[in-house]
Amino acid sequence: MTTAIDPIAPEGSKALFGNSYMHTVLVEISKHDGETFSPKQIIDATGLPGGLVHPLIKRLRSQHFIEYIGRVPGEKTTLYMANDNPYIRAAREYARASATSG
């Protein structure tokens, strides 16, 4: 039996994380499962403006949820990687369940 996974509304994200869009960003980051990602990839995938995504990435980095890896050679593109922790694992599981339901 498959249970449909409903997306968490901004109000739910705010209740859980204190920010309406943190859940969306965290789930998108978790999809990069051991691979680097750039803020632009998160912006493009979520449709959220950079003005929302960049501060959330900064917050996640300051709390060691993600790690700064470096820059793409010859570009200004910054690269990050998710650290293994319960929140990233839960977001990854949520992303997988959401992808298989529906």
PDB file of N, CA and C in Angstrom:
ATOM      1  N   MET A   1       0.842  -1.178   0.000  1.00  0.00           N
ATOM      2  CA  MET A   1       0.000   0.000   0.000  1.00  0.00           C
ATOM      3  C   MET A   1       0.883   1.236   0.000  1.00  0.00           C
ATOM      4  N   THR A   2       0.684   2.111  -0.972  1.00  0.00           N
ATOM      5  CA  THR A   2       1.449   3.341  -1.072  1.00  0.00           C
ATOM      6  C   THR A   2       0.617   4.493  -0.547  1.00  0.00           C
ATOM      7  N   THR A   3       1.203   5.263   0.325  1.00  0.00           N
ATOM      8  CA  THR A   3       0.536   6.437   0.869  1.00  0.00           C
ATOM      9  C   THR A   3       1.048   7.656   0.123  1.00  0.00           C
ATOM     10  N   ALA A   4       0.134   8.487  -0.332  1.00  0.00           N
ATOM     11  CA  ALA A   4       0.532   9.704  -1.027  1.00  0.00           C
ATOM     12  C   ALA A   4       1.240  10.634  -0.047  1.00  0.00           C
ATOM     13  N   ILE A   5       2.324  11.223  -0.489  1.00  0.00           N
ATOM     14  CA  ILE A   5       3.072  12.178   0.321  1.00  0.00           C
ATOM     15  C   ILE A   5       2.706  13.573  -0.167  1.00  0.00           C
ATOM     16  N   ASP A   6       2.036  14.311   0.690  1.00  0.00           N
ATOM     17  CA  ASP A   6       1.675  15.677   0.341  1.00  0.00           C
ATOM     18  C   ASP A   6       2.857  16.598   0.611  1.00  0.00           C
ATOM     19  N   PRO A   7       3.059  17.575  -0.253  1.00  0.00           N
ATOM     20  CA  PRO A   7       4.146  18.521   0.004  1.00  0.00           C
ATOM     21  C   PRO A   7       3.843  19.320   1.275  1.00  0.00           C
ATOM     22  N   ILE A   8       4.891  19.697   1.972  1.00  0.00           N
ATOM     23  CA  ILE A   8       4.712  20.523   3.160  1.00  0.00           C
ATOM     24  C   ILE A   8       4.531  21.959   2.710  1.00  0.00           C
ATOM     25  N   ALA A   9       3.431  22.558   3.134  1.00  0.00           N
ATOM     26  CA  ALA A   9       3.117  23.938   2.788  1.00  0.00           C
ATOM     27  C   ALA A   9       4.093  24.876   3.507  1.00  0.00           C
ATOM     28  N   PRO A  10       4.249  26.087   2.990  1.00  0.00           N
ATOM     29  CA  PRO A  10       5.115  27.051   3.667  1.00  0.00           C
ATOM     30  C   PRO A  10       4.799  27.220   5.156  1.00  0.00           C
ATOM     31  N   GLU A  11       3.520  27.111   5.527  1.00  0.00           N
ATOM     32  CA  GLU A  11       3.154  27.257   6.939  1.00  0.00           C
ATOM     33  C   GLU A  11       3.744  26.104   7.767  1.00  0.00           C
ATOM     34  N   GLY A  12       3.742  24.894   7.212  1.00  0.00           N
ATOM     35  CA  GLY A  12       4.322  23.745   7.897  1.00  0.00           C
ATOM     36  C   GLY A  12       5.828  23.880   8.025  1.00  0.00           C
ATOM     37  N   SER A  13       6.468  24.379   6.964  1.00  0.00           N
ATOM     38  CA  SER A  13       7.907  24.597   7.005  1.00  0.00           C
ATOM     39  C   SER A  13       8.249  25.635   8.068  1.00  0.00           C
ATOM     40  N   LYS A  14       7.444  26.681   8.140  1.00  0.00           N
ATOM     41  CA  LYS A  14       7.690  27.719   9.141  1.00  0.00           C
ATOM     42  C   LYS A  14       7.541  27.155  10.550  1.00  0.00           C
ATOM     43  N   ALA A  15       6.548  26.296  10.758  1.00  0.00           N
ATOM     44  CA  ALA A  15       6.351  25.690  12.075  1.00  0.00           C
ATOM     45  C   ALA A  15       7.528  24.780  12.442  1.00  0.00           C
ATOM     46  N   LEU A  16       8.046  24.023  11.469  1.00  0.00           N
ATOM     47  CA  LEU A  16       9.143  23.095  11.736  1.00  0.00           C
ATOM     48  C   LEU A  16      10.504  23.774  11.831  1.00  0.00           C
ATOM     49  N   PHE A  17      10.760  24.711  10.928  1.00  0.00           N
ATOM     50  CA  PHE A  17      12.098  25.265  10.777  1.00  0.00           C
ATOM     51  C   PHE A  17      12.208  26.761  11.049  1.00  0.00           C
ATOM     52  N   GLY A  18      11.081  27.428  11.281  1.00  0.00           N
ATOM     53  CA  GLY A  18      11.126  28.870  11.503  1.00  0.00           C
ATOM     54  C   GLY A  18      11.264  29.675  10.222  1.00  0.00           C
ATOM     55  N   ASN A  19      11.127  28.998   9.089  1.00  0.00           N
ATOM     56  CA  ASN A  19      11.220  29.661   7.785  1.00  0.00           C
ATOM     57  C   ASN A  19      10.300  28.940   6.809  1.00  0.00           C
ATOM     58  N   SER A  20       9.553  29.698   6.052  1.00  0.00           N
ATOM     59  CA  SER A  20       8.555  29.135   5.144  1.00  0.00           C
ATOM     60  C   SER A  20       9.139  28.288   4.016  1.00  0.00           C
ATOM     61  N   TYR A  21      10.406  28.464   3.692  1.00  0.00           N
ATOM     62  CA  TYR A  21      10.976  27.783   2.525  1.00  0.00           C
ATOM     63  C   TYR A  21      12.127  26.845   2.861  1.00  0.00           C
ATOM     64  N   MET A  22      12.491  26.747   4.131  1.00  0.00           N
ATOM     65  CA  MET A  22      13.624  25.891   4.507  1.00  0.00           C
ATOM     66  C   MET A  22      13.370  24.431   4.126  1.00  0.00           C
ATOM     67  N   HIS A  23      12.152  23.944   4.335  1.00  0.00           N
ATOM     68  CA  HIS A  23      11.864  22.547   3.987  1.00  0.00           C
ATOM     69  C   HIS A  23      12.114  22.297   2.505  1.00  0.00           C
ATOM     70  N   THR A  24      11.637  23.174   1.659  1.00  0.00           N
ATOM     71  CA  THR A  24      11.814  23.033   0.212  1.00  0.00           C
ATOM     72  C   THR A  24      13.296  22.992  -0.148  1.00  0.00           C
ATOM     73  N   VAL A  25      14.073  23.894   0.420  1.00  0.00           N
ATOM     74  CA  VAL A  25      15.502  23.961   0.129  1.00  0.00           C
ATOM     75  C   VAL A  25      16.217  22.727   0.674  1.00  0.00           C
ATOM     76  N   LEU A  26      15.895  22.330   1.879  1.00  0.00           N
ATOM     77  CA  LEU A  26      16.527  21.166   2.497  1.00  0.00           C
ATOM     78  C   LEU A  26      16.245  19.890   1.698  1.00  0.00           C
ATOM     79  N   VAL A  27      15.012  19.716   1.264  1.00  0.00           N
ATOM     80  CA  VAL A  27      14.670  18.526   0.467  1.00  0.00           C
ATOM     81  C   VAL A  27      15.412  18.552  -0.863  1.00  0.00           C
ATOM     82  N   GLU A  28      15.486  19.698  -1.498  1.00  0.00           N
ATOM     83  CA  GLU A  28      16.194  19.778  -2.779  1.00  0.00           C
ATOM     84  C   GLU A  28      17.682  19.491  -2.600  1.00  0.00           C
ATOM     85  N   ILE A  29      18.271  20.024  -1.546  1.00  0.00           N
ATOM     86  CA  ILE A  29      19.681  19.748  -1.267  1.00  0.00           C
ATOM     87  C   ILE A  29      19.882  18.251  -1.041  1.00  0.00           C
ATOM     88  N   SER A  30      18.975  17.628  -0.332  1.00  0.00           N
ATOM     89  CA  SER A  30      19.113  16.196  -0.024  1.00  0.00           C
ATOM     90  C   SER A  30      19.091  15.333  -1.285  1.00  0.00           C
ATOM     91  N   LYS A  31      18.491  15.810  -2.335  1.00  0.00           N
ATOM     92  CA  LYS A  31      18.428  15.057  -3.590  1.00  0.00           C
ATOM     93  C   LYS A  31      19.796  14.918  -4.249  1.00  0.00           C
ATOM     94  N   HIS A  32      20.753  15.720  -3.824  1.00  0.00           N
ATOM     95  CA  HIS A  32      22.103  15.667  -4.398  1.00  0.00           C
ATOM     96  C   HIS A  32      22.964  14.613  -3.717  1.00  0.00           C
ATOM     97  N   ASP A  33      22.378  13.851  -2.833  1.00  0.00           N
ATOM     98  CA  ASP A  33      22.908  12.654  -2.175  1.00  0.00           C
ATOM     99  C   ASP A  33      24.397  12.381  -2.417  1.00  0.00           C
ATOM    100  N   GLY A  34      25.250  13.057  -1.684  1.00  0.00           N
ATOM    101  CA  GLY A  34      26.688  12.817  -1.780  1.00  0.00           C
ATOM    102  C   GLY A  34      27.374  13.535  -2.923  1.00  0.00           C
ATOM    103  N   GLU A  35      26.659  14.346  -3.649  1.00  0.00           N
ATOM    104  CA  GLU A  35      27.235  15.100  -4.763  1.00  0.00           C
ATOM    105  C   GLU A  35      27.215  16.583  -4.427  1.00  0.00           C
ATOM    106  N   THR A  36      28.089  17.328  -5.069  1.00  0.00           N
ATOM    107  CA  THR A  36      28.096  18.772  -4.856  1.00  0.00           C
ATOM    108  C   THR A  36      26.888  19.402  -5.540  1.00  0.00           C
ATOM    109  N   PHE A  37      26.531  20.568  -5.047  1.00  0.00           N
ATOM    110  CA  PHE A  37      25.455  21.352  -5.657  1.00  0.00           C
ATOM    111  C   PHE A  37      25.817  22.825  -5.534  1.00  0.00           C
ATOM    112  N   SER A  38      25.210  23.613  -6.388  1.00  0.00           N
ATOM    113  CA  SER A  38      25.398  25.063  -6.333  1.00  0.00           C
ATOM    114  C   SER A  38      24.080  25.716  -5.920  1.00  0.00           C
ATOM    115  N   PRO A  39      24.149  26.909  -5.362  1.00  0.00           N
ATOM    116  CA  PRO A  39      22.912  27.616  -5.053  1.00  0.00           C
ATOM    117  C   PRO A  39      22.019  27.776  -6.284  1.00  0.00           C
ATOM    118  N   LYS A  40      22.628  28.000  -7.449  1.00  0.00           N
ATOM    119  CA  LYS A  40      21.832  28.164  -8.672  1.00  0.00           C
ATOM    120  C   LYS A  40      21.038  26.906  -8.984  1.00  0.00           C
ATOM    121  N   GLN A  41      21.607  25.737  -8.736  1.00  0.00           N
ATOM    122  CA  GLN A  41      20.870  24.490  -8.970  1.00  0.00           C
ATOM    123  C   GLN A  41      19.640  24.431  -8.057  1.00  0.00           C
ATOM    124  N   ILE A  42      19.790  24.863  -6.821  1.00  0.00           N
ATOM    125  CA  ILE A  42      18.672  24.848  -5.881  1.00  0.00           C
ATOM    126  C   ILE A  42      17.632  25.878  -6.308  1.00  0.00           C
ATOM    127  N   ILE A  43      18.080  27.034  -6.723  1.00  0.00           N
ATOM    128  CA  ILE A  43      17.171  28.084  -7.210  1.00  0.00           C
ATOM    129  C   ILE A  43      16.383  27.586  -8.415  1.00  0.00           C
ATOM    130  N   ASP A  44      17.082  27.005  -9.382  1.00  0.00           N
ATOM    131  CA  ASP A  44      16.425  26.514 -10.599  1.00  0.00           C
ATOM    132  C   ASP A  44      15.439  25.384 -10.291  1.00  0.00           C
ATOM    133  N   ALA A  45      15.820  24.477  -9.416  1.00  0.00           N
ATOM    134  CA  ALA A  45      14.968  23.317  -9.121  1.00  0.00           C
ATOM    135  C   ALA A  45      13.737  23.690  -8.304  1.00  0.00           C
ATOM    136  N   THR A  46      13.880  24.658  -7.415  1.00  0.00           N
ATOM    137  CA  THR A  46      12.760  25.019  -6.532  1.00  0.00           C
ATOM    138  C   THR A  46      11.904  26.148  -7.082  1.00  0.00           C
ATOM    139  N   GLY A  47      12.473  26.952  -7.964  1.00  0.00           N
ATOM    140  CA  GLY A  47      11.757  28.126  -8.463  1.00  0.00           C
ATOM    141  C   GLY A  47      11.741  29.273  -7.467  1.00  0.00           C
ATOM    142  N   LEU A  48      12.468  29.129  -6.365  1.00  0.00           N
ATOM    143  CA  LEU A  48      12.536  30.196  -5.376  1.00  0.00           C
ATOM    144  C   LEU A  48      13.574  31.229  -5.807  1.00  0.00           C
ATOM    145  N   PRO A  49      13.366  32.479  -5.459  1.00  0.00           N
ATOM    146  CA  PRO A  49      14.354  33.501  -5.823  1.00  0.00           C
ATOM    147  C   PRO A  49      15.638  33.358  -5.017  1.00  0.00           C
ATOM    148  N   GLY A  50      16.718  33.797  -5.612  1.00  0.00           N
ATOM    149  CA  GLY A  50      18.014  33.739  -4.954  1.00  0.00           C
ATOM    150  C   GLY A  50      18.033  34.465  -3.621  1.00  0.00           C
ATOM    151  N   GLY A  51      17.255  35.537  -3.518  1.00  0.00           N
ATOM    152  CA  GLY A  51      17.183  36.289  -2.270  1.00  0.00           C
ATOM    153  C   GLY A  51      16.625  35.484  -1.110  1.00  0.00           C
ATOM    154  N   LEU A  52      15.913  34.404  -1.400  1.00  0.00           N
ATOM    155  CA  LEU A  52      15.440  33.486  -0.359  1.00  0.00           C
ATOM    156  C   LEU A  52      16.407  32.330  -0.164  1.00  0.00           C
ATOM    157  N   VAL A  53      16.940  31.808  -1.243  1.00  0.00           N
ATOM    158  CA  VAL A  53      17.776  30.610  -1.181  1.00  0.00           C
ATOM    159  C   VAL A  53      19.142  30.899  -0.565  1.00  0.00           C
ATOM    160  N   HIS A  54      19.794  31.968  -0.967  1.00  0.00           N
ATOM    161  CA  HIS A  54      21.141  32.251  -0.476  1.00  0.00           C
ATOM    162  C   HIS A  54      21.210  32.381   1.049  1.00  0.00           C
ATOM    163  N   PRO A  55      20.306  33.116   1.701  1.00  0.00           N
ATOM    164  CA  PRO A  55      20.366  33.173   3.166  1.00  0.00           C
ATOM    165  C   PRO A  55      20.107  31.820   3.832  1.00  0.00           C
ATOM    166  N   LEU A  56      19.257  30.998   3.230  1.00  0.00           N
ATOM    167  CA  LEU A  56      18.996  29.672   3.796  1.00  0.00           C
ATOM    168  C   LEU A  56      20.227  28.780   3.673  1.00  0.00           C
ATOM    169  N   ILE A  57      20.918  28.865   2.553  1.00  0.00           N
ATOM    170  CA  ILE A  57      22.155  28.108   2.382  1.00  0.00           C
ATOM    171  C   ILE A  57      23.198  28.596   3.388  1.00  0.00           C
ATOM    172  N   LYS A  58      23.272  29.894   3.579  1.00  0.00           N
ATOM    173  CA  LYS A  58      24.206  30.453   4.562  1.00  0.00           C
ATOM    174  C   LYS A  58      23.879  29.928   5.961  1.00  0.00           C
ATOM    175  N   ARG A  59      22.593  29.874   6.311  1.00  0.00           N
ATOM    176  CA  ARG A  59      22.178  29.363   7.621  1.00  0.00           C
ATOM    177  C   ARG A  59      22.516  27.880   7.764  1.00  0.00           C
ATOM    178  N   LEU A  60      22.247  27.098   6.717  1.00  0.00           N
ATOM    179  CA  LEU A  60      22.563  25.671   6.763  1.00  0.00           C
ATOM    180  C   LEU A  60      24.067  25.437   6.900  1.00  0.00           C
ATOM    181  N   ARG A  61      24.841  26.276   6.238  1.00  0.00           N
ATOM    182  CA  ARG A  61      26.300  26.148   6.342  1.00  0.00           C
ATOM    183  C   ARG A  61      26.772  26.516   7.745  1.00  0.00           C
ATOM    184  N   SER A  62      26.237  27.576   8.312  1.00  0.00           N
ATOM    185  CA  SER A  62      26.688  28.007   9.640  1.00  0.00           C
ATOM    186  C   SER A  62      26.359  26.978  10.714  1.00  0.00           C
ATOM    187  N   GLN A  63      25.343  26.158  10.465  1.00  0.00           N
ATOM    188  CA  GLN A  63      24.957  25.111  11.422  1.00  0.00           C
ATOM    189  C   GLN A  63      25.506  23.733  11.031  1.00  0.00           C
ATOM    190  N   HIS A  64      26.395  23.720  10.036  1.00  0.00           N
ATOM    191  CA  HIS A  64      27.108  22.506   9.604  1.00  0.00           C
ATOM    192  C   HIS A  64      26.198  21.436   8.992  1.00  0.00           C
ATOM    193  N   PHE A  65      25.079  21.859   8.413  1.00  0.00           N
ATOM    194  CA  PHE A  65      24.233  20.937   7.662  1.00  0.00           C
ATOM    195  C   PHE A  65      24.843  20.696   6.282  1.00  0.00           C
ATOM    196  N   ILE A  66      25.500  21.725   5.764  1.00  0.00           N
ATOM    197  CA  ILE A  66      26.183  21.622   4.474  1.00  0.00           C
ATOM    198  C   ILE A  66      27.590  22.172   4.639  1.00  0.00           C
ATOM    199  N   GLU A  67      28.436  21.807   3.700  1.00  0.00           N
ATOM    200  CA  GLU A  67      29.834  22.217   3.750  1.00  0.00           C
ATOM    201  C   GLU A  67      30.212  22.903   2.446  1.00  0.00           C
ATOM    202  N   TYR A  68      30.935  24.003   2.560  1.00  0.00           N
ATOM    203  CA  TYR A  68      31.469  24.692   1.393  1.00  0.00           C
ATOM    204  C   TYR A  68      32.601  23.851   0.820  1.00  0.00           C
ATOM    205  N   ILE A  69      32.529  23.546  -0.472  1.00  0.00           N
ATOM    206  CA  ILE A  69      33.528  22.707  -1.133  1.00  0.00           C
ATOM    207  C   ILE A  69      34.529  23.552  -1.914  1.00  0.00           C
ATOM    208  N   GLY A  70      34.050  24.611  -2.534  1.00  0.00           N
ATOM    209  CA  GLY A  70      34.927  25.468  -3.323  1.00  0.00           C
ATOM    210  C   GLY A  70      34.156  26.105  -4.463  1.00  0.00           C
ATOM    211  N   ARG A  71      34.889  26.530  -5.455  1.00  0.00           N
ATOM    212  CA  ARG A  71      34.284  27.159  -6.631  1.00  0.00           C
ATOM    213  C   ARG A  71      34.573  26.316  -7.871  1.00  0.00           C
ATOM    214  N   VAL A  72      33.692  26.443  -8.838  1.00  0.00           N
ATOM    215  CA  VAL A  72      33.935  25.823 -10.136  1.00  0.00           C
ATOM    216  C   VAL A  72      35.121  26.569 -10.750  1.00  0.00           C
ATOM    217  N   PRO A  73      36.150  25.850 -11.195  1.00  0.00           N
ATOM    218  CA  PRO A  73      37.325  26.518 -11.760  1.00  0.00           C
ATOM    219  C   PRO A  73      36.948  27.491 -12.879  1.00  0.00           C
ATOM    220  N   GLY A  74      37.445  28.709 -12.763  1.00  0.00           N
ATOM    221  CA  GLY A  74      37.206  29.735 -13.772  1.00  0.00           C
ATOM    222  C   GLY A  74      35.840  30.394 -13.682  1.00  0.00           C
ATOM    223  N   GLU A  75      35.061  30.072 -12.648  1.00  0.00           N
ATOM    224  CA  GLU A  75      33.725  30.652 -12.484  1.00  0.00           C
ATOM    225  C   GLU A  75      33.566  31.185 -11.065  1.00  0.00           C
ATOM    226  N   LYS A  76      32.468  31.902 -10.858  1.00  0.00           N
ATOM    227  CA  LYS A  76      32.125  32.366  -9.519  1.00  0.00           C
ATOM    228  C   LYS A  76      31.197  31.391  -8.801  1.00  0.00           C
ATOM    229  N   THR A  77      30.814  30.328  -9.482  1.00  0.00           N
ATOM    230  CA  THR A  77      29.863  29.363  -8.930  1.00  0.00           C
ATOM    231  C   THR A  77      30.437  28.671  -7.706  1.00  0.00           C
ATOM    232  N   THR A  78      29.721  28.788  -6.580  1.00  0.00           N
ATOM    233  CA  THR A  78      30.143  28.118  -5.360  1.00  0.00           C
ATOM    234  C   THR A  78      29.518  26.732  -5.288  1.00  0.00           C
ATOM    235  N   LEU A  79      30.254  25.806  -4.713  1.00  0.00           N
ATOM    236  CA  LEU A  79      29.795  24.426  -4.586  1.00  0.00           C
ATOM    237  C   LEU A  79      29.728  24.032  -3.118  1.00  0.00           C
ATOM    238  N   TYR A  80      28.689  23.288  -2.783  1.00  0.00           N
ATOM    239  CA  TYR A  80      28.473  22.800  -1.432  1.00  0.00           C
ATOM    240  C   TYR A  80      28.162  21.311  -1.498  1.00  0.00           C
ATOM    241  N   MET A  81      28.232  20.670  -0.329  1.00  0.00           N
ATOM    242  CA  MET A  81      27.829  19.280  -0.207  1.00  0.00           C
ATOM    243  C   MET A  81      27.139  19.120   1.138  1.00  0.00           C
ATOM    244  N   ALA A  82      26.075  18.334   1.156  1.00  0.00           N
ATOM    245  CA  ALA A  82      25.350  18.087   2.394  1.00  0.00           C
ATOM    246  C   ALA A  82      26.169  17.178   3.301  1.00  0.00           C
ATOM    247  N   ASN A  83      26.207  17.515   4.573  1.00  0.00           N
ATOM    248  CA  ASN A  83      26.811  16.645   5.578  1.00  0.00           C
ATOM    249  C   ASN A  83      25.762  15.631   6.012  1.00  0.00           C
ATOM    250  N   ASP A  84      26.222  14.473   6.426  1.00  0.00           N
ATOM    251  CA  ASP A  84      25.292  13.454   6.891  1.00  0.00           C
ATOM    252  C   ASP A  84      24.804  13.828   8.294  1.00  0.00           C
ATOM    253  N   ASN A  85      23.496  13.967   8.441  1.00  0.00           N
ATOM    254  CA  ASN A  85      22.892  14.224   9.742  1.00  0.00           C
ATOM    255  C   ASN A  85      21.429  13.789   9.668  1.00  0.00           C
ATOM    256  N   PRO A  86      20.756  13.697  10.801  1.00  0.00           N
ATOM    257  CA  PRO A  86      19.372  13.201  10.787  1.00  0.00           C
ATOM    258  C   PRO A  86      18.422  14.029   9.928  1.00  0.00           C
ATOM    259  N   TYR A  87      18.622  15.318   9.866  1.00  0.00           N
ATOM    260  CA  TYR A  87      17.714  16.160   9.076  1.00  0.00           C
ATOM    261  C   TYR A  87      17.891  15.925   7.583  1.00  0.00           C
ATOM    262  N   ILE A  88      19.126  15.812   7.145  1.00  0.00           N
ATOM    263  CA  ILE A  88      19.383  15.536   5.727  1.00  0.00           C
ATOM    264  C   ILE A  88      18.857  14.151   5.372  1.00  0.00           C
ATOM    265  N   ARG A  89      19.073  13.174   6.242  1.00  0.00           N
ATOM    266  CA  ARG A  89      18.557  11.818   5.979  1.00  0.00           C
ATOM    267  C   ARG A  89      17.037  11.825   5.910  1.00  0.00           C
ATOM    268  N   ALA A  90      16.392  12.554   6.809  1.00  0.00           N
ATOM    269  CA  ALA A  90      14.921  12.635   6.796  1.00  0.00           C
ATOM    270  C   ALA A  90      14.436  13.340   5.532  1.00  0.00           C
ATOM    271  N   ALA A  91      15.102  14.403   5.129  1.00  0.00           N
ATOM    272  CA  ALA A  91      14.715  15.118   3.909  1.00  0.00           C
ATOM    273  C   ALA A  91      14.898  14.229   2.691  1.00  0.00           C
ATOM    274  N   ARG A  92      15.974  13.433   2.678  1.00  0.00           N
ATOM    275  CA  ARG A  92      16.232  12.506   1.565  1.00  0.00           C
ATOM    276  C   ARG A  92      15.135  11.450   1.493  1.00  0.00           C
ATOM    277  N   GLU A  93      14.741  10.924   2.638  1.00  0.00           N
ATOM    278  CA  GLU A  93      13.663   9.930   2.688  1.00  0.00           C
ATOM    279  C   GLU A  93      12.343  10.545   2.222  1.00  0.00           C
ATOM    280  N   TYR A  94      12.084  11.771   2.647  1.00  0.00           N
ATOM    281  CA  TYR A  94      10.879  12.491   2.216  1.00  0.00           C
ATOM    282  C   TYR A  94      10.893  12.657   0.694  1.00  0.00           C
ATOM    283  N   ALA A  95      12.036  13.054   0.150  1.00  0.00           N
ATOM    284  CA  ALA A  95      12.147  13.254  -1.310  1.00  0.00           C
ATOM    285  C   ALA A  95      11.898  11.945  -2.055  1.00  0.00           C
ATOM    286  N   ARG A  96      12.468  10.856  -1.549  1.00  0.00           N
ATOM    287  CA  ARG A  96      12.266   9.540  -2.195  1.00  0.00           C
ATOM    288  C   ARG A  96      10.807   9.108  -2.130  1.00  0.00           C
ATOM    289  N   ALA A  97      10.194   9.276  -0.963  1.00  0.00           N
ATOM    290  CA  ALA A  97       8.783   8.904  -0.804  1.00  0.00           C
ATOM    291  C   ALA A  97       7.895   9.761  -1.699  1.00  0.00           C
ATOM    292  N   SER A  98       8.221  11.028  -1.806  1.00  0.00           N
ATOM    293  CA  SER A  98       7.421  11.933  -2.654  1.00  0.00           C
ATOM    294  C   SER A  98       7.550  11.540  -4.124  1.00  0.00           C
ATOM    295  N   ALA A  99       8.747  11.105  -4.516  1.00  0.00           N
ATOM    296  CA  ALA A  99       8.980  10.727  -5.919  1.00  0.00           C
ATOM    297  C   ALA A  99       8.261   9.436  -6.288  1.00  0.00           C
ATOM    298  N   THR A 100       8.089   8.532  -5.328  1.00  0.00           N
ATOM    299  CA  THR A 100       7.464   7.253  -5.637  1.00  0.00           C
ATOM    300  C   THR A 100       5.958   7.257  -5.437  1.00  0.00           C
ATOM    301  N   SER A 101       5.429   8.275  -4.757  1.00  0.00           N
ATOM    302  CA  SER A 101       3.968   8.342  -4.594  1.00  0.00           C
ATOM    303  C   SER A 101       3.386   9.156  -5.728  1.00  0.00           C
ATOM    304  N   GLY A 102       2.152   8.951  -5.973  1.00  0.00           N
ATOM    305  CA  GLY A 102       1.505   9.764  -6.988  1.00  0.00           C
ATOM    306  C   GLY A 102       1.384   9.111  -8.259  1.00  0.00           C
TER     307      GLY A 102
END
